Amino acid sequence: METTMDTIGFEDFLKVELRVGRIVGAEVFAQARKPAYVLRVDFGEAIGVRKSSAQVTALYTPDELVGRLVVAVVNFPPKQIGPLMSECLVTGFHDANGDVALCVPDREVPLGTRLL
């Protein structure tokens, strides 16, 4: 199956701040319309801890999430999601069932490191 994609310049890619962070807190987002967790992600001293909503409940429990490294966009403006002000976008991929699997580095890297 062939898909058509928009082409962007390298300068456009550089505008997106994709950084690695460690999940330091995960709890059920009871007020969410679709099943989700509220994640607190530590991006290191320069960026700090940010909150995000993540619809990853099909593949992860809160206990499994705490301590994991994730890749997130940290330079979107904050977004109100119900009662939560989301401060970053944790990235992932849909699996064959449509569930979201997190995008993660396969080795330990310093918190706040930028994706190249």
Protein backbone atom coordinates (compact mmCIF):
# COMPACT_ATOMS: atom_id res chain seq x y z
CA MET A 1 0.00 0.00 0.00
CA GLU A 2 1.48 3.31 -1.06
CA THR A 3 0.84 6.42 1.01
CA THR A 4 1.37 10.03 0.10
CA MET A 5 3.35 12.13 2.56
CA ASP A 6 4.02 15.83 2.79
CA THR A 7 7.71 16.64 2.52
CA ILE A 8 9.27 18.93 5.13
CA GLY A 9 12.63 20.61 5.25
CA PHE A 10 15.27 19.77 7.84
CA GLU A 11 14.64 23.20 9.38
CA ASP A 12 11.04 22.13 10.06
CA PHE A 13 12.22 18.94 11.79
CA LEU A 14 14.58 20.97 13.97
CA LYS A 15 11.63 23.01 15.27
CA VAL A 16 10.17 19.92 16.98
CA GLU A 17 11.75 19.35 20.39
CA LEU A 18 11.56 15.56 20.80
CA ARG A 19 13.20 14.77 24.14
CA VAL A 20 13.67 11.71 26.32
CA GLY A 21 12.11 11.68 29.76
CA ARG A 22 11.46 9.20 32.55
CA ILE A 23 7.93 8.54 33.77
CA VAL A 24 7.95 9.32 37.49
CA GLY A 25 4.20 9.07 38.07
CA ALA A 26 1.23 7.41 36.39
CA GLU A 27 -2.37 7.33 37.52
CA VAL A 28 -5.76 6.63 35.97
CA PHE A 29 -7.25 9.76 34.36
CA ALA A 30 -10.77 9.17 35.68
CA GLN A 31 -12.26 12.25 33.96
CA ALA A 32 -10.98 11.32 30.47
CA ARG A 33 -13.57 10.47 27.79
CA LYS A 34 -11.41 7.58 26.53
CA PRO A 35 -9.37 5.40 28.91
CA ALA A 36 -6.11 7.22 29.69
CA TYR A 37 -3.47 7.85 32.31
CA VAL A 38 -2.06 11.09 33.65
CA LEU A 39 1.71 10.79 33.34
CA ARG A 40 4.33 12.89 35.07
CA VAL A 41 7.52 12.80 33.01
CA ASP A 42 10.93 14.03 34.23
CA PHE A 43 13.00 15.59 31.42
CA GLY A 44 15.95 16.53 33.64
CA GLU A 45 17.02 19.74 35.30
CA ALA A 46 16.75 22.08 32.30
CA ILE A 47 13.14 21.15 31.39
CA GLY A 48 11.79 19.63 34.61
CA VAL A 49 8.75 17.44 35.21
CA ARG A 50 5.78 17.82 32.87
CA LYS A 51 2.29 16.29 32.82
CA SER A 52 0.63 14.54 29.91
CA SER A 53 -2.45 12.47 29.17
CA ALA A 54 -1.71 9.17 27.43
CA GLN A 55 -4.17 6.64 26.00
CA VAL A 56 -1.93 3.65 26.67
CA THR A 57 -4.19 1.74 29.09
CA ALA A 58 -4.59 -1.30 26.82
CA LEU A 59 -0.89 -2.20 26.91
CA TYR A 60 0.42 -0.77 30.21
CA THR A 61 -0.54 -0.53 33.87
CA PRO A 62 0.49 2.50 35.92
CA ASP A 63 3.05 0.40 37.80
CA GLU A 64 4.62 -0.78 34.50
CA LEU A 65 4.96 2.80 33.29
CA VAL A 66 6.80 4.30 36.26
CA GLY A 67 10.53 4.24 35.60
CA ARG A 68 10.26 3.86 31.80
CA LEU A 69 12.00 6.18 29.39
CA VAL A 70 9.75 7.79 26.76
CA VAL A 71 10.10 10.20 23.85
CA ALA A 72 7.91 13.30 23.98
CA VAL A 73 7.40 16.61 22.22
CA VAL A 74 8.14 19.31 24.80
CA ASN A 75 7.66 22.50 22.79
CA PHE A 76 3.94 22.34 21.99
CA PRO A 77 1.91 24.92 23.90
CA PRO A 78 0.06 23.54 26.94
CA LYS A 79 -3.29 21.96 26.01
CA GLN A 80 -6.35 21.66 28.22
CA ILE A 81 -7.63 18.05 28.27
CA GLY A 82 -10.65 18.04 30.56
CA PRO A 83 -9.38 19.10 33.99
CA LEU A 84 -5.73 18.41 33.01
CA MET A 85 -3.35 20.93 31.48
CA SER A 86 -1.13 18.73 29.29
CA GLU A 87 2.43 20.07 29.07
CA CYS A 88 3.99 17.62 26.61
CA LEU A 89 3.01 14.97 24.05
CA VAL A 90 4.26 11.47 24.82
CA THR A 91 4.78 9.64 21.50
CA GLY A 92 3.80 6.14 20.47
CA PHE A 93 2.70 3.85 17.65
CA HIS A 94 -0.56 2.01 16.99
CA ASP A 95 -0.06 -1.73 17.00
CA ALA A 96 -2.03 -4.18 14.80
CA ASN A 97 -4.99 -3.93 17.21
CA GLY A 98 -4.97 -0.12 17.28
CA ASP A 99 -3.54 0.04 20.81
CA VAL A 100 -0.76 2.55 21.50
CA ALA A 101 2.76 1.25 22.18
CA LEU A 102 5.15 3.86 23.55
CA CYS A 103 8.07 5.19 21.51
CA VAL A 104 11.10 4.50 23.71
CA PRO A 105 14.90 4.55 23.41
CA ASP A 106 16.43 1.07 23.51
CA ARG A 107 19.28 2.18 25.80
CA GLU A 108 19.64 4.48 28.82
CA VAL A 109 20.28 8.07 27.74
CA PRO A 110 20.42 11.24 29.85
CA LEU A 111 17.07 12.83 30.63
CA GLY A 112 16.29 15.72 28.29
CA THR A 113 18.43 14.37 25.43
CA ARG A 114 17.08 15.51 22.07
CA LEU A 115 16.11 13.05 19.35
CA LEU A 116 18.40 13.39 16.34
